[in-house]
Amino acid sequence: MGKGFILDDWDIGFQSDIKLHRTPTADDIQDGYEEDELIDDYDLPAHWLMMQMNNFCVGANYVFLNGKHYYTVHHS
């Protein structure tokens, strides 16, 4: 088996026209957030969805491509 991304390990993916998470600031990273962590924020749309992805999934992945925001969620 090779290294890297295995599509079968991801349960769901979706595309959004708007960014649904907040990117960690230098202060957030100093407070313990990872540099690439997707932070749920009450001020952003879909706060509940991002909170669920952070709390109940093994992880989420984010890519911005061609003006669209793509999210994939890893199963727990």
PDB file of N, CA and C in Angstrom:
ATOM      1  N   MET A   1       0.840  -1.174   0.000  1.00  0.00           N
ATOM      2  CA  MET A   1       0.000   0.000   0.000  1.00  0.00           C
ATOM      3  C   MET A   1       0.885   1.236   0.000  1.00  0.00           C
ATOM      4  N   GLY A   2       0.549   2.224  -0.828  1.00  0.00           N
ATOM      5  CA  GLY A   2       1.351   3.427  -0.949  1.00  0.00           C
ATOM      6  C   GLY A   2       1.035   4.465   0.114  1.00  0.00           C
ATOM      7  N   LYS A   3       1.874   5.425   0.204  1.00  0.00           N
ATOM      8  CA  LYS A   3       1.681   6.527   1.141  1.00  0.00           C
ATOM      9  C   LYS A   3       0.714   7.533   0.543  1.00  0.00           C
ATOM     10  N   GLY A   4       0.131   8.363   1.421  1.00  0.00           N
ATOM     11  CA  GLY A   4      -0.624   9.504   0.931  1.00  0.00           C
ATOM     12  C   GLY A   4      -2.115   9.385   1.116  1.00  0.00           C
ATOM     13  N   PHE A   5      -2.810  10.149   0.341  1.00  0.00           N
ATOM     14  CA  PHE A   5      -4.261  10.299   0.430  1.00  0.00           C
ATOM     15  C   PHE A   5      -4.970   9.076  -0.129  1.00  0.00           C
ATOM     16  N   ILE A   6      -5.851   8.479   0.660  1.00  0.00           N
ATOM     17  CA  ILE A   6      -6.651   7.338   0.213  1.00  0.00           C
ATOM     18  C   ILE A   6      -8.119   7.764   0.267  1.00  0.00           C
ATOM     19  N   LEU A   7      -8.741   7.891  -0.881  1.00  0.00           N
ATOM     20  CA  LEU A   7     -10.103   8.412  -0.958  1.00  0.00           C
ATOM     21  C   LEU A   7     -11.082   7.606  -0.124  1.00  0.00           C
ATOM     22  N   ASP A   8     -10.897   6.292  -0.003  1.00  0.00           N
ATOM     23  CA  ASP A   8     -11.820   5.456   0.765  1.00  0.00           C
ATOM     24  C   ASP A   8     -11.834   5.800   2.251  1.00  0.00           C
ATOM     25  N   ASP A   9     -10.831   6.515   2.751  1.00  0.00           N
ATOM     26  CA  ASP A   9     -10.786   6.897   4.157  1.00  0.00           C
ATOM     27  C   ASP A   9     -11.648   8.116   4.473  1.00  0.00           C
ATOM     28  N   TRP A  10     -12.222   8.739   3.471  1.00  0.00           N
ATOM     29  CA  TRP A  10     -13.002   9.965   3.670  1.00  0.00           C
ATOM     30  C   TRP A  10     -14.479   9.652   3.485  1.00  0.00           C
ATOM     31  N   ASP A  11     -15.309  10.087   4.448  1.00  0.00           N
ATOM     32  CA  ASP A  11     -16.726   9.751   4.435  1.00  0.00           C
ATOM     33  C   ASP A  11     -17.578  10.705   3.610  1.00  0.00           C
ATOM     34  N   ILE A  12     -17.279  11.975   3.678  1.00  0.00           N
ATOM     35  CA  ILE A  12     -18.130  12.948   3.007  1.00  0.00           C
ATOM     36  C   ILE A  12     -17.278  14.124   2.557  1.00  0.00           C
ATOM     37  N   GLY A  13     -17.672  14.708   1.479  1.00  0.00           N
ATOM     38  CA  GLY A  13     -17.017  15.910   0.999  1.00  0.00           C
ATOM     39  C   GLY A  13     -18.067  16.851   0.455  1.00  0.00           C
ATOM     40  N   PHE A  14     -17.800  18.129   0.541  1.00  0.00           N
ATOM     41  CA  PHE A  14     -18.740  19.101  -0.006  1.00  0.00           C
ATOM     42  C   PHE A  14     -17.995  20.352  -0.428  1.00  0.00           C
ATOM     43  N   GLN A  15     -18.655  21.124  -1.268  1.00  0.00           N
ATOM     44  CA  GLN A  15     -18.093  22.354  -1.794  1.00  0.00           C
ATOM     45  C   GLN A  15     -18.961  23.514  -1.332  1.00  0.00           C
ATOM     46  N   SER A  16     -18.328  24.636  -1.033  1.00  0.00           N
ATOM     47  CA  SER A  16     -19.049  25.820  -0.582  1.00  0.00           C
ATOM     48  C   SER A  16     -18.555  27.040  -1.353  1.00  0.00           C
ATOM     49  N   ASP A  17     -19.445  27.987  -1.570  1.00  0.00           N
ATOM     50  CA  ASP A  17     -19.045  29.234  -2.207  1.00  0.00           C
ATOM     51  C   ASP A  17     -18.385  30.178  -1.210  1.00  0.00           C
ATOM     52  N   ILE A  18     -18.578  29.921   0.079  1.00  0.00           N
ATOM     53  CA  ILE A  18     -17.999  30.766   1.126  1.00  0.00           C
ATOM     54  C   ILE A  18     -17.158  29.911   2.072  1.00  0.00           C
ATOM     55  N   LYS A  19     -16.178  30.531   2.692  1.00  0.00           N
ATOM     56  CA  LYS A  19     -15.323  29.841   3.657  1.00  0.00           C
ATOM     57  C   LYS A  19     -16.115  29.608   4.938  1.00  0.00           C
ATOM     58  N   LEU A  20     -16.103  28.378   5.449  1.00  0.00           N
ATOM     59  CA  LEU A  20     -16.923  28.003   6.601  1.00  0.00           C
ATOM     60  C   LEU A  20     -16.120  27.909   7.895  1.00  0.00           C
ATOM     61  N   HIS A  21     -14.844  28.203   7.845  1.00  0.00           N
ATOM     62  CA  HIS A  21     -14.007  28.098   9.041  1.00  0.00           C
ATOM     63  C   HIS A  21     -13.118  29.336   9.160  1.00  0.00           C
ATOM     64  N   ARG A  22     -12.505  29.466  10.310  1.00  0.00           N
ATOM     65  CA  ARG A  22     -11.539  30.539  10.540  1.00  0.00           C
ATOM     66  C   ARG A  22     -10.153  29.908  10.575  1.00  0.00           C
ATOM     67  N   THR A  23      -9.202  30.545   9.916  1.00  0.00           N
ATOM     68  CA  THR A  23      -7.818  30.088   9.899  1.00  0.00           C
ATOM     69  C   THR A  23      -7.126  30.568  11.173  1.00  0.00           C
ATOM     70  N   PRO A  24      -6.346  29.723  11.836  1.00  0.00           N
ATOM     71  CA  PRO A  24      -5.671  30.129  13.074  1.00  0.00           C
ATOM     72  C   PRO A  24      -4.730  31.323  12.871  1.00  0.00           C
ATOM     73  N   THR A  25      -4.779  32.239  13.807  1.00  0.00           N
ATOM     74  CA  THR A  25      -3.855  33.366  13.828  1.00  0.00           C
ATOM     75  C   THR A  25      -2.605  32.948  14.604  1.00  0.00           C
ATOM     76  N   ALA A  26      -1.613  33.810  14.627  1.00  0.00           N
ATOM     77  CA  ALA A  26      -0.396  33.533  15.407  1.00  0.00           C
ATOM     78  C   ALA A  26      -0.746  33.347  16.882  1.00  0.00           C
ATOM     79  N   ASP A  27      -1.696  34.153  17.399  1.00  0.00           N
ATOM     80  CA  ASP A  27      -2.124  34.017  18.793  1.00  0.00           C
ATOM     81  C   ASP A  27      -2.802  32.669  19.031  1.00  0.00           C
ATOM     82  N   ASP A  28      -3.639  32.229  18.071  1.00  0.00           N
ATOM     83  CA  ASP A  28      -4.305  30.925  18.199  1.00  0.00           C
ATOM     84  C   ASP A  28      -3.272  29.800  18.271  1.00  0.00           C
ATOM     85  N   ILE A  29      -2.261  29.874  17.411  1.00  0.00           N
ATOM     86  CA  ILE A  29      -1.229  28.845  17.376  1.00  0.00           C
ATOM     87  C   ILE A  29      -0.460  28.833  18.694  1.00  0.00           C
ATOM     88  N   GLN A  30      -0.194  30.015  19.220  1.00  0.00           N
ATOM     89  CA  GLN A  30       0.488  30.110  20.507  1.00  0.00           C
ATOM     90  C   GLN A  30      -0.373  29.521  21.628  1.00  0.00           C
ATOM     91  N   ASP A  31      -1.699  29.600  21.471  1.00  0.00           N
ATOM     92  CA  ASP A  31      -2.627  29.056  22.470  1.00  0.00           C
ATOM     93  C   ASP A  31      -2.875  27.561  22.300  1.00  0.00           C
ATOM     94  N   GLY A  32      -2.242  26.932  21.288  1.00  0.00           N
ATOM     95  CA  GLY A  32      -2.343  25.484  21.158  1.00  0.00           C
ATOM     96  C   GLY A  32      -3.023  24.966  19.914  1.00  0.00           C
ATOM     97  N   TYR A  33      -3.559  25.837  19.076  1.00  0.00           N
ATOM     98  CA  TYR A  33      -4.148  25.380  17.819  1.00  0.00           C
ATOM     99  C   TYR A  33      -3.036  24.984  16.850  1.00  0.00           C
ATOM    100  N   GLU A  34      -3.339  24.030  15.979  1.00  0.00           N
ATOM    101  CA  GLU A  34      -2.408  23.645  14.930  1.00  0.00           C
ATOM    102  C   GLU A  34      -2.464  24.683  13.805  1.00  0.00           C
ATOM    103  N   GLU A  35      -1.362  24.828  13.083  1.00  0.00           N
ATOM    104  CA  GLU A  35      -1.282  25.822  12.016  1.00  0.00           C
ATOM    105  C   GLU A  35      -2.328  25.608  10.923  1.00  0.00           C
ATOM    106  N   ASP A  36      -2.659  24.345  10.645  1.00  0.00           N
ATOM    107  CA  ASP A  36      -3.617  24.045   9.577  1.00  0.00           C
ATOM    108  C   ASP A  36      -4.997  23.653  10.106  1.00  0.00           C
ATOM    109  N   GLU A  37      -5.265  23.929  11.375  1.00  0.00           N
ATOM    110  CA  GLU A  37      -6.542  23.549  11.990  1.00  0.00           C
ATOM    111  C   GLU A  37      -7.691  24.402  11.444  1.00  0.00           C
ATOM    112  N   LEU A  38      -8.843  23.780  11.271  1.00  0.00           N
ATOM    113  CA  LEU A  38     -10.041  24.477  10.814  1.00  0.00           C
ATOM    114  C   LEU A  38     -10.848  24.859  12.052  1.00  0.00           C
ATOM    115  N   ILE A  39     -10.889  26.137  12.375  1.00  0.00           N
ATOM    116  CA  ILE A  39     -11.534  26.589  13.604  1.00  0.00           C
ATOM    117  C   ILE A  39     -12.974  26.978  13.321  1.00  0.00           C
ATOM    118  N   ASP A  40     -13.908  26.417  14.110  1.00  0.00           N
ATOM    119  CA  ASP A  40     -15.301  26.839  13.981  1.00  0.00           C
ATOM    120  C   ASP A  40     -15.449  28.181  14.699  1.00  0.00           C
ATOM    121  N   ASP A  41     -16.282  29.048  14.143  1.00  0.00           N
ATOM    122  CA  ASP A  41     -16.428  30.402  14.664  1.00  0.00           C
ATOM    123  C   ASP A  41     -17.903  30.772  14.623  1.00  0.00           C
ATOM    124  N   TYR A  42     -18.427  31.248  15.754  1.00  0.00           N
ATOM    125  CA  TYR A  42     -19.842  31.618  15.836  1.00  0.00           C
ATOM    126  C   TYR A  42     -20.236  32.670  14.804  1.00  0.00           C
ATOM    127  N   ASP A  43     -19.305  33.484  14.366  1.00  0.00           N
ATOM    128  CA  ASP A  43     -19.613  34.561  13.425  1.00  0.00           C
ATOM    129  C   ASP A  43     -19.686  34.090  11.973  1.00  0.00           C
ATOM    130  N   LEU A  44     -19.353  32.842  11.725  1.00  0.00           N
ATOM    131  CA  LEU A  44     -19.348  32.341  10.353  1.00  0.00           C
ATOM    132  C   LEU A  44     -20.540  31.426  10.090  1.00  0.00           C
ATOM    133  N   PRO A  45     -20.995  31.373   8.828  1.00  0.00           N
ATOM    134  CA  PRO A  45     -22.084  30.461   8.482  1.00  0.00           C
ATOM    135  C   PRO A  45     -21.659  29.011   8.752  1.00  0.00           C
ATOM    136  N   ALA A  46     -22.608  28.181   9.016  1.00  0.00           N
ATOM    137  CA  ALA A  46     -22.378  26.749   9.219  1.00  0.00           C
ATOM    138  C   ALA A  46     -21.511  26.466  10.438  1.00  0.00           C
ATOM    139  N   HIS A  47     -21.592  27.299  11.453  1.00  0.00           N
ATOM    140  CA  HIS A  47     -20.824  27.082  12.682  1.00  0.00           C
ATOM    141  C   HIS A  47     -21.082  25.690  13.239  1.00  0.00           C
ATOM    142  N   TRP A  48     -22.342  25.271  13.272  1.00  0.00           N
ATOM    143  CA  TRP A  48     -22.701  23.971  13.825  1.00  0.00           C
ATOM    144  C   TRP A  48     -21.997  22.852  13.061  1.00  0.00           C
ATOM    145  N   LEU A  49     -21.992  22.942  11.739  1.00  0.00           N
ATOM    146  CA  LEU A  49     -21.357  21.909  10.919  1.00  0.00           C
ATOM    147  C   LEU A  49     -19.861  21.826  11.197  1.00  0.00           C
ATOM    148  N   MET A  50     -19.198  22.961  11.251  1.00  0.00           N
ATOM    149  CA  MET A  50     -17.757  22.963  11.526  1.00  0.00           C
ATOM    150  C   MET A  50     -17.476  22.426  12.926  1.00  0.00           C
ATOM    151  N   MET A  51     -18.312  22.763  13.882  1.00  0.00           N
ATOM    152  CA  MET A  51     -18.140  22.276  15.249  1.00  0.00           C
ATOM    153  C   MET A  51     -18.265  20.752  15.280  1.00  0.00           C
ATOM    154  N   GLN A  52     -19.238  20.202  14.553  1.00  0.00           N
ATOM    155  CA  GLN A  52     -19.420  18.755  14.490  1.00  0.00           C
ATOM    156  C   GLN A  52     -18.207  18.088  13.847  1.00  0.00           C
ATOM    157  N   MET A  53     -17.696  18.685  12.784  1.00  0.00           N
ATOM    158  CA  MET A  53     -16.525  18.118  12.108  1.00  0.00           C
ATOM    159  C   MET A  53     -15.327  18.099  13.053  1.00  0.00           C
ATOM    160  N   ASN A  54     -15.160  19.139  13.840  1.00  0.00           N
ATOM    161  CA  ASN A  54     -14.026  19.205  14.765  1.00  0.00           C
ATOM    162  C   ASN A  54     -14.199  18.282  15.972  1.00  0.00           C
ATOM    163  N   ASN A  55     -15.425  18.118  16.458  1.00  0.00           N
ATOM    164  CA  ASN A  55     -15.656  17.374  17.693  1.00  0.00           C
ATOM    165  C   ASN A  55     -15.895  15.879  17.500  1.00  0.00           C
ATOM    166  N   PHE A  56     -16.471  15.483  16.373  1.00  0.00           N
ATOM    167  CA  PHE A  56     -16.910  14.105  16.231  1.00  0.00           C
ATOM    168  C   PHE A  56     -16.272  13.350  15.071  1.00  0.00           C
ATOM    169  N   CYS A  57     -15.394  13.971  14.350  1.00  0.00           N
ATOM    170  CA  CYS A  57     -14.710  13.305  13.250  1.00  0.00           C
ATOM    171  C   CYS A  57     -13.223  13.238  13.564  1.00  0.00           C
ATOM    172  N   VAL A  58     -12.542  12.327  12.932  1.00  0.00           N
ATOM    173  CA  VAL A  58     -11.109  12.202  13.125  1.00  0.00           C
ATOM    174  C   VAL A  58     -10.407  13.443  12.576  1.00  0.00           C
ATOM    175  N   GLY A  59     -10.948  14.004  11.531  1.00  0.00           N
ATOM    176  CA  GLY A  59     -10.335  15.200  10.974  1.00  0.00           C
ATOM    177  C   GLY A  59     -11.058  15.696   9.750  1.00  0.00           C
ATOM    178  N   ALA A  60     -10.746  16.916   9.381  1.00  0.00           N
ATOM    179  CA  ALA A  60     -11.306  17.511   8.182  1.00  0.00           C
ATOM    180  C   ALA A  60     -10.160  18.064   7.357  1.00  0.00           C
ATOM    181  N   ASN A  61     -10.362  18.120   6.070  1.00  0.00           N
ATOM    182  CA  ASN A  61      -9.368  18.645   5.154  1.00  0.00           C
ATOM    183  C   ASN A  61     -10.017  19.772   4.370  1.00  0.00           C
ATOM    184  N   TYR A  62      -9.235  20.789   4.043  1.00  0.00           N
ATOM    185  CA  TYR A  62      -9.762  21.954   3.343  1.00  0.00           C
ATOM    186  C   TYR A  62      -8.849  22.320   2.188  1.00  0.00           C
ATOM    187  N   VAL A  63      -9.482  22.660   1.059  1.00  0.00           N
ATOM    188  CA  VAL A  63      -8.749  23.137  -0.114  1.00  0.00           C
ATOM    189  C   VAL A  63      -9.549  24.273  -0.738  1.00  0.00           C
ATOM    190  N   PHE A  64      -8.862  25.356  -1.110  1.00  0.00           N
ATOM    191  CA  PHE A  64      -9.468  26.440  -1.874  1.00  0.00           C
ATOM    192  C   PHE A  64      -8.952  26.317  -3.298  1.00  0.00           C
ATOM    193  N   LEU A  65      -9.867  26.128  -4.252  1.00  0.00           N
ATOM    194  CA  LEU A  65      -9.470  25.870  -5.632  1.00  0.00           C
ATOM    195  C   LEU A  65     -10.460  26.534  -6.575  1.00  0.00           C
ATOM    196  N   ASN A  66      -9.953  27.312  -7.496  1.00  0.00           N
ATOM    197  CA  ASN A  66     -10.782  27.962  -8.515  1.00  0.00           C
ATOM    198  C   ASN A  66     -11.962  28.728  -7.923  1.00  0.00           C
ATOM    199  N   GLY A  67     -11.722  29.422  -6.835  1.00  0.00           N
ATOM    200  CA  GLY A  67     -12.751  30.262  -6.228  1.00  0.00           C
ATOM    201  C   GLY A  67     -13.767  29.520  -5.381  1.00  0.00           C
ATOM    202  N   LYS A  68     -13.566  28.241  -5.151  1.00  0.00           N
ATOM    203  CA  LYS A  68     -14.495  27.431  -4.348  1.00  0.00           C
ATOM    204  C   LYS A  68     -13.766  26.850  -3.150  1.00  0.00           C
ATOM    205  N   HIS A  69     -14.514  26.607  -2.085  1.00  0.00           N
ATOM    206  CA  HIS A  69     -13.982  26.026  -0.854  1.00  0.00           C
ATOM    207  C   HIS A  69     -14.438  24.570  -0.789  1.00  0.00           C
ATOM    208  N   TYR A  70     -13.485  23.652  -0.662  1.00  0.00           N
ATOM    209  CA  TYR A  70     -13.785  22.218  -0.623  1.00  0.00           C
ATOM    210  C   TYR A  70     -13.404  21.653   0.742  1.00  0.00           C
ATOM    211  N   TYR A  71     -14.317  20.880   1.308  1.00  0.00           N
ATOM    212  CA  TYR A  71     -14.095  20.236   2.607  1.00  0.00           C
ATOM    213  C   TYR A  71     -14.319  18.745   2.456  1.00  0.00           C
ATOM    214  N   THR A  72     -13.458  17.947   3.072  1.00  0.00           N
ATOM    215  CA  THR A  72     -13.672  16.504   3.205  1.00  0.00           C
ATOM    216  C   THR A  72     -13.536  16.159   4.680  1.00  0.00           C
ATOM    217  N   VAL A  73     -14.327  15.206   5.117  1.00  0.00           N
ATOM    218  CA  VAL A  73     -14.360  14.846   6.528  1.00  0.00           C
ATOM    219  C   VAL A  73     -13.986  13.384   6.677  1.00  0.00           C
ATOM    220  N   HIS A  74     -13.020  13.097   7.536  1.00  0.00           N
ATOM    221  CA  HIS A  74     -12.525  11.753   7.787  1.00  0.00           C
ATOM    222  C   HIS A  74     -13.405  11.090   8.841  1.00  0.00           C
ATOM    223  N   HIS A  75     -13.700   9.834   8.634  1.00  0.00           N
ATOM    224  CA  HIS A  75     -14.571   9.108   9.576  1.00  0.00           C
ATOM    225  C   HIS A  75     -13.866   8.846  10.892  1.00  0.00           C
ATOM    226  N   SER A  76     -14.706   8.636  11.926  1.00  0.00           N
ATOM    227  CA  SER A  76     -14.150   8.336  13.255  1.00  0.00           C
ATOM    228  C   SER A  76     -14.320   6.878  13.587  1.00  0.00           C
TER     229      SER A  76
END
